N, C-alpha and C. Protein backbone atom coordinates (compact mmCIF):
# COMPACT_ATOMS: atom_id res chain seq x y z
N UNK A 1 83.67 -181.61 101.96
CA UNK A 1 84.85 -182.11 102.74
C UNK A 1 86.11 -182.42 101.80
N UNK A 2 87.08 -182.94 102.39
CA UNK A 2 88.22 -183.31 101.66
C UNK A 2 88.33 -184.69 101.08
N UNK A 3 87.26 -185.40 101.25
CA UNK A 3 87.19 -186.81 100.75
C UNK A 3 86.12 -186.87 99.54
N UNK A 4 86.40 -187.91 98.72
CA UNK A 4 85.40 -188.04 97.63
C UNK A 4 84.12 -188.86 97.92
N UNK A 5 84.10 -189.40 99.18
CA UNK A 5 82.95 -190.08 99.67
C UNK A 5 82.68 -191.36 99.12
N UNK A 6 83.68 -192.01 98.61
CA UNK A 6 83.55 -193.43 98.11
C UNK A 6 84.23 -194.53 98.93
N UNK A 7 84.78 -194.19 100.06
CA UNK A 7 85.51 -195.11 100.95
C UNK A 7 85.30 -194.86 102.40
N UNK A 8 84.16 -194.40 102.84
CA UNK A 8 83.81 -194.16 104.18
C UNK A 8 83.70 -195.47 105.01
N UNK A 9 83.91 -195.44 106.23
CA UNK A 9 84.26 -194.28 107.00
C UNK A 9 85.69 -193.89 106.86
N UNK A 10 85.99 -192.53 106.91
CA UNK A 10 87.36 -192.11 106.80
C UNK A 10 88.12 -191.94 108.13
N UNK A 11 89.22 -192.58 108.14
CA UNK A 11 90.11 -192.21 109.36
C UNK A 11 91.14 -191.10 108.89
N UNK A 12 91.88 -190.67 109.83
CA UNK A 12 92.89 -189.68 109.52
C UNK A 12 94.02 -190.18 108.62
N UNK A 13 94.14 -191.50 108.54
CA UNK A 13 95.15 -192.12 107.55
C UNK A 13 94.75 -192.05 106.15
N UNK A 14 93.45 -191.86 105.85
CA UNK A 14 92.99 -191.80 104.47
C UNK A 14 93.64 -190.61 103.67
N UNK A 15 93.95 -190.88 102.47
CA UNK A 15 94.47 -189.86 101.60
C UNK A 15 93.30 -188.95 101.14
N UNK A 16 93.37 -187.62 101.33
CA UNK A 16 92.30 -186.66 100.90
C UNK A 16 92.24 -186.66 99.44
N UNK A 17 90.90 -186.49 98.94
CA UNK A 17 90.58 -186.40 97.55
C UNK A 17 89.39 -185.50 97.34
N UNK A 18 89.47 -184.22 97.48
CA UNK A 18 88.31 -183.33 97.40
C UNK A 18 87.68 -183.32 95.94
N UNK A 19 86.40 -183.17 95.91
CA UNK A 19 85.75 -183.22 94.57
C UNK A 19 85.15 -181.82 94.23
N UNK A 20 85.24 -180.93 95.07
CA UNK A 20 84.71 -179.60 94.81
C UNK A 20 85.64 -178.59 95.46
N UNK A 21 85.53 -177.23 95.04
CA UNK A 21 86.35 -176.20 95.40
C UNK A 21 86.47 -175.97 96.87
N UNK A 22 85.32 -176.09 97.60
CA UNK A 22 85.39 -175.94 99.01
C UNK A 22 86.34 -176.88 99.72
N UNK A 23 86.26 -178.11 99.25
CA UNK A 23 87.15 -179.13 99.79
C UNK A 23 88.60 -178.83 99.50
N UNK A 24 88.83 -178.27 98.28
CA UNK A 24 90.20 -177.90 97.94
C UNK A 24 90.79 -176.85 98.81
N UNK A 25 89.94 -175.83 99.13
CA UNK A 25 90.39 -174.73 99.97
C UNK A 25 90.66 -175.27 101.37
N UNK A 26 89.88 -176.17 101.81
CA UNK A 26 90.18 -176.70 103.23
C UNK A 26 91.52 -177.46 103.29
N UNK A 27 91.81 -178.26 102.18
CA UNK A 27 93.02 -178.91 102.21
C UNK A 27 94.26 -178.02 102.00
N UNK A 28 94.01 -177.04 101.19
CA UNK A 28 95.12 -176.07 101.10
C UNK A 28 95.46 -175.39 102.41
N UNK A 29 94.43 -175.06 103.10
CA UNK A 29 94.63 -174.49 104.49
C UNK A 29 95.41 -175.46 105.43
N UNK A 30 95.02 -176.72 105.33
CA UNK A 30 95.85 -177.69 106.17
C UNK A 30 97.27 -177.73 105.76
N UNK A 31 97.43 -177.81 104.49
CA UNK A 31 98.95 -177.87 103.90
C UNK A 31 99.76 -176.58 104.43
N UNK A 32 99.01 -175.52 104.34
CA UNK A 32 99.69 -174.26 104.79
C UNK A 32 100.11 -174.27 106.22
N UNK A 33 99.07 -174.81 107.05
CA UNK A 33 99.40 -174.93 108.52
C UNK A 33 100.53 -175.77 108.67
N UNK A 34 100.58 -176.95 108.02
CA UNK A 34 101.61 -177.88 108.16
C UNK A 34 103.01 -177.39 107.73
N UNK A 35 103.07 -176.56 106.68
CA UNK A 35 104.27 -175.96 106.26
C UNK A 35 104.81 -174.85 107.34
N UNK A 36 103.93 -174.20 107.93
CA UNK A 36 104.28 -173.15 108.84
C UNK A 36 104.64 -173.64 110.21
N UNK A 37 104.06 -174.74 110.65
CA UNK A 37 104.30 -175.31 111.94
C UNK A 37 104.06 -176.79 112.00
N UNK A 38 105.13 -177.66 112.10
CA UNK A 38 104.88 -179.04 112.13
C UNK A 38 104.33 -179.58 113.38
N UNK A 39 104.37 -178.66 114.35
CA UNK A 39 103.82 -179.03 115.73
C UNK A 39 102.48 -178.54 115.86
N UNK A 40 101.69 -178.78 114.92
CA UNK A 40 100.24 -178.08 115.05
C UNK A 40 99.17 -179.14 115.30
N UNK A 41 97.99 -178.67 115.67
CA UNK A 41 96.79 -179.54 115.92
C UNK A 41 95.79 -179.12 114.78
N UNK A 42 95.47 -180.04 113.92
CA UNK A 42 94.35 -179.86 112.87
C UNK A 42 93.17 -180.69 113.30
N UNK A 43 92.07 -180.07 113.35
CA UNK A 43 90.80 -180.65 113.69
C UNK A 43 89.83 -180.56 112.45
N UNK A 44 89.28 -181.75 112.08
CA UNK A 44 88.33 -181.82 110.96
C UNK A 44 86.96 -182.19 111.44
N UNK A 45 86.10 -181.19 111.72
CA UNK A 45 84.78 -181.54 112.16
C UNK A 45 83.90 -182.08 111.03
N UNK A 46 83.12 -183.02 111.36
CA UNK A 46 82.12 -183.45 110.36
C UNK A 46 80.97 -182.48 110.29
N UNK A 47 79.72 -182.93 109.95
CA UNK A 47 78.60 -182.13 109.76
C UNK A 47 78.26 -181.49 111.11
N UNK A 48 78.26 -180.12 111.19
CA UNK A 48 77.91 -179.47 112.46
C UNK A 48 76.52 -178.99 112.56
N UNK A 49 75.82 -178.95 113.73
CA UNK A 49 74.58 -178.48 113.78
C UNK A 49 74.40 -177.88 115.24
N UNK A 50 73.34 -177.07 115.39
CA UNK A 50 73.07 -176.35 116.74
C UNK A 50 72.41 -175.07 116.44
N UNK A 51 72.38 -174.24 117.52
CA UNK A 51 71.69 -172.89 117.32
C UNK A 51 72.76 -171.92 116.76
N UNK A 52 72.47 -171.32 115.66
CA UNK A 52 73.22 -170.36 115.12
C UNK A 52 72.57 -169.00 115.21
N UNK A 53 73.32 -167.86 115.23
CA UNK A 53 72.72 -166.61 115.26
C UNK A 53 71.82 -166.38 114.11
N UNK A 54 70.75 -165.62 114.26
CA UNK A 54 69.71 -165.47 113.21
C UNK A 54 70.28 -164.78 111.87
N UNK A 55 71.44 -164.06 112.09
CA UNK A 55 71.99 -163.37 110.93
C UNK A 55 73.02 -164.33 110.21
N UNK A 56 73.21 -165.51 110.76
CA UNK A 56 74.22 -166.50 110.10
C UNK A 56 73.45 -167.53 109.32
N UNK A 57 74.21 -168.17 108.51
CA UNK A 57 73.67 -169.14 107.70
C UNK A 57 73.06 -170.34 108.49
N UNK A 58 71.94 -170.88 108.09
CA UNK A 58 71.34 -171.94 108.84
C UNK A 58 72.18 -173.18 108.63
N UNK A 59 72.24 -174.15 109.62
CA UNK A 59 72.81 -175.47 109.51
C UNK A 59 71.75 -176.57 109.42
N UNK A 60 72.06 -177.74 109.20
CA UNK A 60 71.07 -178.77 109.11
C UNK A 60 69.83 -178.74 110.11
N UNK A 61 70.14 -178.55 111.37
CA UNK A 61 69.13 -178.40 112.38
C UNK A 61 68.24 -177.28 112.22
N UNK A 62 68.83 -176.11 112.06
CA UNK A 62 67.95 -174.86 112.01
C UNK A 62 67.32 -174.72 110.69
N UNK A 63 67.97 -175.22 109.69
CA UNK A 63 67.24 -175.17 108.33
C UNK A 63 66.01 -176.12 108.43
N UNK A 64 66.15 -177.36 109.00
CA UNK A 64 65.02 -178.22 109.07
C UNK A 64 63.95 -177.67 109.90
N UNK A 65 64.19 -176.93 110.93
CA UNK A 65 63.17 -176.24 111.80
C UNK A 65 62.53 -175.16 111.08
N UNK A 66 63.24 -174.40 110.30
CA UNK A 66 62.57 -173.40 109.45
C UNK A 66 61.66 -173.95 108.48
N UNK A 67 62.06 -175.00 107.84
CA UNK A 67 61.17 -175.66 106.90
C UNK A 67 59.95 -176.34 107.52
N UNK A 68 60.18 -176.94 108.65
CA UNK A 68 59.09 -177.64 109.35
C UNK A 68 57.99 -176.58 109.85
N UNK A 69 58.42 -175.39 110.33
CA UNK A 69 57.57 -174.44 110.74
C UNK A 69 56.56 -173.89 109.64
N UNK A 70 57.09 -173.99 108.38
CA UNK A 70 56.21 -173.60 107.23
C UNK A 70 55.03 -174.49 107.01
N UNK A 71 55.18 -175.63 107.49
CA UNK A 71 54.08 -176.59 107.41
C UNK A 71 53.74 -177.28 106.09
N UNK A 72 54.75 -176.99 105.15
CA UNK A 72 54.63 -177.52 103.77
C UNK A 72 55.64 -178.66 103.60
N UNK A 73 55.27 -179.64 102.77
CA UNK A 73 56.22 -180.73 102.48
C UNK A 73 57.55 -180.10 101.90
N UNK A 74 58.64 -180.62 102.30
CA UNK A 74 59.94 -180.24 101.71
C UNK A 74 60.75 -181.41 101.59
N UNK A 75 61.79 -181.34 100.66
CA UNK A 75 62.56 -182.47 100.21
C UNK A 75 63.96 -182.39 100.89
N UNK A 76 64.44 -183.51 101.28
CA UNK A 76 65.78 -183.70 101.81
C UNK A 76 66.40 -184.94 101.21
N UNK A 77 67.67 -184.88 100.94
CA UNK A 77 68.37 -185.91 100.15
C UNK A 77 68.45 -187.10 101.13
N UNK A 78 68.27 -188.32 100.61
CA UNK A 78 68.51 -189.55 101.42
C UNK A 78 69.64 -190.39 100.99
N UNK A 79 70.50 -189.78 100.12
CA UNK A 79 71.66 -190.59 99.77
C UNK A 79 72.95 -189.90 99.93
N UNK A 80 73.02 -188.88 100.93
CA UNK A 80 74.21 -188.33 101.36
C UNK A 80 74.37 -188.44 102.83
N UNK A 81 75.53 -189.07 103.23
CA UNK A 81 75.72 -189.57 104.52
C UNK A 81 76.76 -188.78 105.26
N UNK A 82 76.59 -188.59 106.67
CA UNK A 82 77.61 -188.13 107.49
C UNK A 82 77.45 -188.71 108.94
N UNK A 83 78.25 -188.26 109.83
CA UNK A 83 78.07 -188.54 111.27
C UNK A 83 78.00 -187.20 111.98
N UNK A 84 76.92 -186.52 111.98
CA UNK A 84 76.83 -185.10 112.49
C UNK A 84 77.09 -185.12 113.95
N UNK A 85 77.58 -183.81 114.33
CA UNK A 85 77.85 -183.66 115.75
C UNK A 85 77.47 -182.19 116.00
N UNK A 86 77.01 -181.94 117.26
CA UNK A 86 76.64 -180.49 117.56
C UNK A 86 77.88 -179.66 117.82
N UNK A 87 77.67 -178.38 117.54
CA UNK A 87 78.81 -177.44 117.73
C UNK A 87 79.27 -177.45 119.17
N UNK A 88 78.38 -177.68 120.14
CA UNK A 88 78.81 -177.80 121.52
C UNK A 88 79.66 -178.88 121.88
N UNK A 89 79.37 -180.07 121.22
CA UNK A 89 80.12 -181.32 121.49
C UNK A 89 81.46 -181.21 120.74
N UNK A 90 81.42 -180.65 119.58
CA UNK A 90 82.72 -180.40 118.79
C UNK A 90 83.62 -179.56 119.61
N UNK A 91 83.06 -178.49 120.27
CA UNK A 91 83.84 -177.60 120.97
C UNK A 91 84.44 -178.27 122.23
N UNK A 92 83.63 -179.17 122.85
CA UNK A 92 84.18 -179.90 124.02
C UNK A 92 85.38 -180.87 123.61
N UNK A 93 85.18 -181.51 122.40
CA UNK A 93 86.26 -182.42 122.00
C UNK A 93 87.53 -181.57 121.58
N UNK A 94 87.42 -180.50 121.02
CA UNK A 94 88.60 -179.66 120.73
C UNK A 94 89.19 -179.07 121.97
N UNK A 95 88.46 -178.79 123.00
CA UNK A 95 88.99 -178.30 124.18
C UNK A 95 89.77 -179.43 124.90
N UNK A 96 89.25 -180.62 124.85
CA UNK A 96 89.98 -181.80 125.41
C UNK A 96 91.39 -181.98 124.74
N UNK A 97 91.30 -181.74 123.38
CA UNK A 97 92.65 -181.92 122.66
C UNK A 97 93.65 -180.81 123.01
N UNK A 98 93.14 -179.60 123.20
CA UNK A 98 93.96 -178.52 123.59
C UNK A 98 94.57 -178.68 125.10
N UNK A 99 93.55 -179.10 125.95
CA UNK A 99 94.11 -179.43 127.38
C UNK A 99 95.11 -180.47 127.35
N UNK A 100 95.06 -181.52 126.55
CA UNK A 100 95.86 -182.67 126.58
C UNK A 100 97.18 -182.32 125.86
N UNK A 101 97.23 -181.17 125.17
CA UNK A 101 98.41 -180.76 124.42
C UNK A 101 98.67 -181.68 123.14
N UNK A 102 97.62 -182.11 122.52
CA UNK A 102 97.76 -183.14 121.37
C UNK A 102 98.19 -182.30 120.14
N UNK A 103 98.79 -183.09 119.25
CA UNK A 103 99.29 -182.58 117.98
C UNK A 103 98.82 -183.51 116.86
N UNK A 104 98.87 -183.05 115.70
CA UNK A 104 98.43 -183.94 114.53
C UNK A 104 97.04 -183.65 114.05
N UNK A 105 96.48 -184.60 113.36
CA UNK A 105 95.11 -184.42 112.80
C UNK A 105 94.20 -185.26 113.50
N UNK A 106 93.02 -184.77 113.74
CA UNK A 106 91.95 -185.51 114.43
C UNK A 106 90.56 -185.28 113.72
N UNK A 107 89.90 -186.38 113.48
CA UNK A 107 88.47 -186.34 112.87
C UNK A 107 87.52 -186.19 114.11
N UNK A 108 86.63 -185.20 114.06
CA UNK A 108 85.68 -185.07 115.04
C UNK A 108 84.26 -185.24 114.40
N UNK A 109 83.59 -186.26 114.98
CA UNK A 109 82.16 -186.53 114.32
C UNK A 109 81.37 -187.17 115.44
N UNK A 110 80.06 -187.30 115.10
CA UNK A 110 79.11 -187.86 116.00
C UNK A 110 79.24 -189.42 116.03
N UNK A 111 78.29 -189.93 116.81
CA UNK A 111 78.27 -191.43 117.12
C UNK A 111 77.57 -192.12 115.98
N UNK A 112 76.53 -191.37 115.33
CA UNK A 112 75.59 -191.92 114.37
C UNK A 112 75.86 -191.71 112.94
N UNK A 113 75.98 -192.60 112.06
CA UNK A 113 76.00 -192.35 110.60
C UNK A 113 74.50 -192.27 110.10
N UNK A 114 74.15 -191.22 109.42
CA UNK A 114 72.85 -191.00 108.92
C UNK A 114 72.87 -190.19 107.75
N UNK A 115 71.74 -190.28 106.91
CA UNK A 115 71.58 -189.44 105.75
C UNK A 115 70.94 -188.07 106.24
N UNK A 116 70.93 -187.12 105.33
CA UNK A 116 70.34 -185.79 105.69
C UNK A 116 68.95 -185.89 105.86
N UNK A 117 68.31 -186.79 105.21
CA UNK A 117 66.89 -187.18 105.40
C UNK A 117 66.59 -187.69 106.89
N UNK A 118 67.40 -188.60 107.22
CA UNK A 118 67.22 -189.25 108.56
C UNK A 118 67.44 -188.22 109.59
N UNK A 119 68.35 -187.32 109.47
CA UNK A 119 68.64 -186.23 110.37
C UNK A 119 67.48 -185.30 110.56
N UNK A 120 66.84 -184.95 109.37
CA UNK A 120 65.69 -184.15 109.39
C UNK A 120 64.51 -184.73 110.13
N UNK A 121 64.40 -185.98 109.99
CA UNK A 121 63.29 -186.81 110.71
C UNK A 121 63.51 -186.64 112.28
N UNK A 122 64.82 -186.72 112.74
CA UNK A 122 65.14 -186.65 114.15
C UNK A 122 64.76 -185.23 114.62
N UNK A 123 64.95 -184.13 113.75
CA UNK A 123 64.56 -182.83 114.24
C UNK A 123 63.05 -182.71 114.29
N UNK A 124 62.40 -183.22 113.29
CA UNK A 124 60.82 -183.32 113.27
C UNK A 124 60.42 -183.89 114.49
N UNK A 125 60.89 -185.08 114.84
CA UNK A 125 60.47 -185.81 115.98
C UNK A 125 60.74 -185.04 117.23
N UNK A 126 61.92 -184.42 117.44
CA UNK A 126 62.24 -183.70 118.66
C UNK A 126 61.42 -182.43 118.86
N UNK A 127 61.08 -181.88 117.85
CA UNK A 127 60.30 -180.65 117.80
C UNK A 127 58.78 -180.78 117.74
N UNK A 128 58.39 -182.07 117.52
CA UNK A 128 56.92 -182.37 117.57
C UNK A 128 56.24 -182.12 116.27
N UNK A 129 56.88 -182.21 115.17
CA UNK A 129 56.27 -182.02 113.88
C UNK A 129 56.01 -183.40 113.25
N UNK A 130 55.09 -183.46 112.32
CA UNK A 130 54.75 -184.81 111.70
C UNK A 130 55.85 -185.14 110.66
N UNK A 131 56.14 -186.46 110.51
CA UNK A 131 57.18 -186.83 109.68
C UNK A 131 56.86 -186.65 108.23
N UNK A 132 55.58 -186.68 107.85
CA UNK A 132 55.19 -186.72 106.46
C UNK A 132 55.50 -185.41 105.73
N UNK A 133 55.86 -184.39 106.54
CA UNK A 133 56.30 -183.09 105.93
C UNK A 133 57.75 -183.26 105.28
N UNK A 134 58.45 -184.17 105.78
CA UNK A 134 59.83 -184.42 105.25
C UNK A 134 59.80 -185.51 104.30
N UNK A 135 60.16 -185.13 103.01
CA UNK A 135 60.09 -186.07 101.86
C UNK A 135 61.51 -186.52 101.38
N UNK A 136 61.77 -187.74 101.36
CA UNK A 136 63.14 -188.24 100.90
C UNK A 136 63.26 -188.05 99.37
N UNK A 137 64.47 -187.67 98.94
CA UNK A 137 64.60 -187.57 97.60
C UNK A 137 66.11 -187.80 97.23
N UNK A 138 66.36 -188.38 96.07
CA UNK A 138 67.77 -188.63 95.77
C UNK A 138 68.50 -187.31 95.14
N UNK A 139 69.78 -187.28 95.35
CA UNK A 139 70.55 -186.09 94.99
C UNK A 139 70.33 -185.62 93.49
N UNK A 140 70.07 -186.62 92.66
CA UNK A 140 69.85 -186.32 91.19
C UNK A 140 68.58 -185.51 91.01
N UNK A 141 67.74 -185.46 91.91
CA UNK A 141 66.40 -184.71 91.82
C UNK A 141 66.64 -183.21 92.09
N UNK A 142 67.69 -182.96 92.75
CA UNK A 142 68.00 -181.43 93.07
C UNK A 142 69.20 -181.09 92.24
N UNK A 143 68.89 -180.66 91.09
CA UNK A 143 69.94 -180.27 90.09
C UNK A 143 70.72 -179.07 90.45
N UNK A 144 70.23 -178.25 91.44
CA UNK A 144 70.97 -176.98 91.79
C UNK A 144 72.01 -177.25 92.83
N UNK A 145 72.07 -178.57 93.31
CA UNK A 145 73.24 -178.77 94.28
C UNK A 145 74.54 -178.98 93.70
N UNK A 146 75.62 -178.41 94.41
CA UNK A 146 76.96 -178.72 93.91
C UNK A 146 77.20 -180.24 94.22
N UNK A 147 78.07 -180.85 93.40
CA UNK A 147 78.43 -182.21 93.65
C UNK A 147 78.83 -182.44 95.04
N UNK A 148 78.34 -183.46 95.72
CA UNK A 148 78.77 -183.69 97.08
C UNK A 148 79.27 -185.14 97.35
N UNK A 149 80.17 -185.34 98.19
CA UNK A 149 80.55 -186.71 98.39
C UNK A 149 79.39 -187.47 98.94
N UNK A 150 79.19 -188.72 98.44
CA UNK A 150 77.95 -189.49 98.81
C UNK A 150 77.99 -189.87 100.35
N UNK A 151 79.21 -190.11 100.84
CA UNK A 151 79.32 -190.57 102.23
C UNK A 151 80.66 -190.01 102.83
N UNK A 152 80.40 -189.01 103.78
CA UNK A 152 81.60 -188.38 104.31
C UNK A 152 81.86 -188.73 105.89
N UNK A 153 81.23 -189.85 106.21
CA UNK A 153 81.29 -190.40 107.60
C UNK A 153 82.78 -190.54 108.08
N UNK A 154 83.06 -190.04 109.26
CA UNK A 154 84.32 -190.20 109.82
C UNK A 154 84.48 -191.35 110.67
N UNK A 155 85.67 -192.02 110.66
CA UNK A 155 86.07 -193.02 111.61
C UNK A 155 86.56 -192.11 112.84
N UNK A 156 85.88 -192.27 114.03
CA UNK A 156 86.17 -191.30 115.17
C UNK A 156 86.86 -192.08 116.31
N UNK A 157 87.43 -193.25 115.91
CA UNK A 157 88.06 -194.07 117.04
C UNK A 157 89.22 -193.35 117.68
N UNK A 158 90.09 -192.59 116.81
CA UNK A 158 91.26 -191.83 117.42
C UNK A 158 90.64 -190.76 118.39
N UNK A 159 89.69 -190.03 118.00
CA UNK A 159 88.98 -189.06 118.77
C UNK A 159 88.58 -189.62 120.19
N UNK A 160 87.92 -190.69 120.11
CA UNK A 160 87.40 -191.39 121.38
C UNK A 160 88.60 -191.77 122.25
N UNK A 161 89.65 -192.35 121.54
CA UNK A 161 90.81 -192.80 122.41
C UNK A 161 91.64 -191.65 123.01
N UNK A 162 92.13 -190.87 122.14
CA UNK A 162 93.08 -189.80 122.54
C UNK A 162 92.38 -188.59 123.36
N UNK A 163 91.14 -188.20 122.90
CA UNK A 163 90.55 -187.21 123.51
C UNK A 163 89.60 -187.59 124.64
N UNK A 164 89.51 -188.87 124.90
CA UNK A 164 88.68 -189.40 125.93
C UNK A 164 87.20 -188.83 125.77
N UNK A 165 86.69 -188.74 124.60
CA UNK A 165 85.46 -188.15 124.24
C UNK A 165 84.63 -189.13 123.54
N UNK A 166 83.38 -189.31 124.10
CA UNK A 166 82.50 -190.18 123.35
C UNK A 166 81.14 -189.35 123.16
N UNK A 167 80.88 -188.78 121.92
CA UNK A 167 79.70 -187.93 121.81
C UNK A 167 78.34 -188.56 122.06
N UNK A 168 77.33 -187.79 122.42
CA UNK A 168 75.97 -188.29 122.61
C UNK A 168 75.44 -188.70 121.27
N UNK A 169 74.37 -189.45 121.21
CA UNK A 169 73.68 -189.75 119.99
C UNK A 169 72.98 -188.45 119.40
N UNK A 170 72.89 -188.44 118.07
CA UNK A 170 72.35 -187.18 117.44
C UNK A 170 71.03 -186.82 118.03
N UNK A 171 70.20 -187.83 118.21
CA UNK A 171 68.81 -187.57 118.77
C UNK A 171 68.84 -186.90 120.06
N UNK A 172 69.72 -187.32 120.92
CA UNK A 172 69.77 -186.78 122.20
C UNK A 172 70.39 -185.37 122.18
N UNK A 173 71.28 -185.17 121.27
CA UNK A 173 71.86 -183.74 121.09
C UNK A 173 70.78 -182.81 120.65
N UNK A 174 69.97 -183.21 119.62
CA UNK A 174 68.92 -182.29 119.21
C UNK A 174 67.90 -182.06 120.27
N UNK A 175 67.43 -182.99 120.99
CA UNK A 175 66.46 -182.80 122.07
C UNK A 175 67.10 -181.80 123.15
N UNK A 176 68.31 -182.09 123.41
CA UNK A 176 68.95 -181.16 124.49
C UNK A 176 69.07 -179.63 123.87
N UNK A 177 69.41 -179.65 122.65
CA UNK A 177 69.43 -178.24 122.14
C UNK A 177 68.10 -177.54 122.14
N UNK A 178 67.02 -178.30 121.88
CA UNK A 178 65.72 -177.65 121.89
C UNK A 178 65.31 -177.24 123.27
N UNK A 179 65.68 -178.14 124.26
CA UNK A 179 65.41 -177.71 125.69
C UNK A 179 66.23 -176.58 126.00
N UNK A 180 67.51 -176.45 125.59
CA UNK A 180 68.29 -175.40 125.90
C UNK A 180 67.82 -174.10 125.39
N UNK A 181 67.20 -174.04 124.22
CA UNK A 181 66.58 -172.81 123.72
C UNK A 181 65.41 -172.34 124.52
N UNK A 182 64.64 -173.37 125.04
CA UNK A 182 63.50 -173.09 125.88
C UNK A 182 64.04 -172.44 127.19
N UNK A 183 65.04 -172.88 127.74
CA UNK A 183 65.57 -172.23 128.96
C UNK A 183 66.06 -170.84 128.69
N UNK A 184 66.72 -170.77 127.60
CA UNK A 184 67.40 -169.43 127.41
C UNK A 184 66.41 -168.37 127.09
N UNK A 185 65.48 -168.70 126.19
CA UNK A 185 64.45 -167.65 125.87
C UNK A 185 63.54 -167.25 127.07
N UNK A 186 63.45 -168.13 128.10
CA UNK A 186 62.73 -167.87 129.26
C UNK A 186 63.44 -166.97 130.33
N UNK A 187 64.72 -166.84 130.17
CA UNK A 187 65.56 -166.06 131.15
C UNK A 187 65.05 -164.69 131.14
N UNK A 188 64.78 -164.15 132.33
CA UNK A 188 64.34 -162.76 132.47
C UNK A 188 62.89 -162.51 132.19
N UNK A 189 62.15 -163.52 131.81
CA UNK A 189 60.73 -163.29 131.46
C UNK A 189 59.83 -163.87 132.62
N UNK A 190 58.66 -163.32 132.75
CA UNK A 190 57.72 -163.84 133.79
C UNK A 190 57.19 -165.24 133.26
N UNK A 191 56.48 -165.83 134.28
CA UNK A 191 55.97 -167.23 133.93
C UNK A 191 55.13 -167.21 132.76
N UNK A 192 54.28 -166.26 132.49
CA UNK A 192 53.33 -166.19 131.32
C UNK A 192 54.08 -166.20 129.98
N UNK A 193 55.12 -165.33 129.99
CA UNK A 193 55.92 -165.26 128.76
C UNK A 193 56.57 -166.64 128.48
N UNK A 194 57.17 -167.21 129.50
CA UNK A 194 57.80 -168.54 129.28
C UNK A 194 56.84 -169.58 128.75
N UNK A 195 55.58 -169.54 129.23
CA UNK A 195 54.64 -170.48 128.73
C UNK A 195 54.39 -170.25 127.15
N UNK A 196 54.28 -169.07 126.82
CA UNK A 196 54.02 -168.61 125.38
C UNK A 196 55.31 -169.08 124.60
N UNK A 197 56.46 -168.84 125.12
CA UNK A 197 57.67 -169.13 124.38
C UNK A 197 57.89 -170.69 124.26
N UNK A 198 57.33 -171.50 125.11
CA UNK A 198 57.26 -172.94 124.90
C UNK A 198 56.66 -173.39 123.51
N UNK A 199 55.66 -172.66 123.22
CA UNK A 199 55.04 -172.94 121.91
C UNK A 199 55.86 -172.45 120.75
N UNK A 200 56.54 -171.34 120.99
CA UNK A 200 57.38 -170.76 120.00
C UNK A 200 58.59 -171.55 119.62
N UNK A 201 59.10 -172.28 120.54
CA UNK A 201 60.20 -173.17 120.34
C UNK A 201 59.79 -174.28 119.33
N UNK A 202 58.52 -174.61 119.46
CA UNK A 202 58.06 -175.86 118.47
C UNK A 202 57.70 -175.29 117.17
N UNK A 203 57.59 -173.92 116.90
CA UNK A 203 57.22 -173.57 115.66
C UNK A 203 58.22 -172.51 115.03
N UNK A 204 58.07 -171.26 115.20
CA UNK A 204 59.11 -170.20 114.72
C UNK A 204 60.36 -170.48 115.48
N UNK A 205 61.43 -170.45 114.58
CA UNK A 205 62.82 -170.75 115.13
C UNK A 205 63.26 -169.71 116.05
N UNK A 206 63.06 -168.41 115.71
CA UNK A 206 63.53 -167.36 116.67
C UNK A 206 62.21 -166.61 117.02
N UNK A 207 62.23 -165.96 118.16
CA UNK A 207 61.04 -165.17 118.48
C UNK A 207 61.59 -163.88 119.06
N UNK A 208 60.81 -162.80 118.86
CA UNK A 208 61.42 -161.50 119.23
C UNK A 208 61.74 -161.33 120.65
N UNK A 209 60.97 -161.99 121.54
CA UNK A 209 61.15 -161.86 122.96
C UNK A 209 62.45 -162.53 123.35
N UNK A 210 62.98 -163.67 122.60
CA UNK A 210 64.23 -164.25 123.11
C UNK A 210 65.34 -164.02 122.27
N UNK A 211 65.23 -163.13 121.33
CA UNK A 211 66.26 -162.90 120.30
C UNK A 211 67.64 -162.53 121.04
N UNK A 212 67.58 -161.74 122.06
CA UNK A 212 68.88 -161.33 122.65
C UNK A 212 69.67 -162.47 123.39
N UNK A 213 68.78 -163.48 123.87
CA UNK A 213 69.36 -164.57 124.46
C UNK A 213 69.92 -165.52 123.50
N UNK A 214 69.26 -165.80 122.42
CA UNK A 214 69.60 -166.70 121.38
C UNK A 214 70.89 -166.22 120.68
N UNK A 215 71.09 -164.90 120.71
CA UNK A 215 72.28 -164.31 119.98
C UNK A 215 73.55 -164.70 120.76
N UNK A 216 73.45 -165.26 121.94
CA UNK A 216 74.62 -165.71 122.72
C UNK A 216 74.84 -167.24 122.57
N UNK A 217 74.07 -167.87 121.87
CA UNK A 217 74.18 -169.37 121.57
C UNK A 217 74.79 -169.47 120.19
N UNK A 218 76.10 -169.83 120.09
CA UNK A 218 76.77 -169.83 118.84
C UNK A 218 77.00 -171.24 118.29
N UNK A 219 77.13 -171.34 117.03
CA UNK A 219 77.57 -172.53 116.38
C UNK A 219 79.09 -172.45 116.04
N UNK A 220 79.73 -173.54 116.23
CA UNK A 220 81.22 -173.57 115.76
C UNK A 220 81.21 -173.87 114.25
N UNK A 221 81.71 -172.93 113.54
CA UNK A 221 81.72 -173.13 112.03
C UNK A 221 83.09 -173.56 111.60
């Protein structure tokens, strides 16, 4: 993100201070938009999750499901915090902003502040996997990670006020997304196939029978 993670939660009034190249490029893009059009709408989504296409990079939810289905313990950092929001909820918030003709900068984030470890536990719980598979670990133990802001939580009061949008809790969003996959992969199948796919939802992330349906469920990146 565009903040250093030392003064969360961040409102739109906080001065950006990126600590890695990715954050720098995002800030440069915002500056470019501002120079080209002062009457612009800039939306800053927090950590996004949801069903991505199988050919696209996994997000925290789908990555956790892939790890959980392997059945082997895996590590997730417990000292990096965000307020994650699903791609579907983020899209709804952006659409509200467009319909209202809003301009300026808006932070889009979820209702709950949590660590990546806490998020993975929510996924495990919603998908019916045991919690012991998910092991908490500090960022210093994962030396291959790029430096990340320790806390990128957004202050979303402006979003709630101006966009008239109050996102669901993360646990509710994850559970709804899992149910949504079950419905989609069952479309066009007989009852027996739907029963088999119910188990597939809880283990392999994608199944051959439902691939064409899941391809239509996209994440907002």
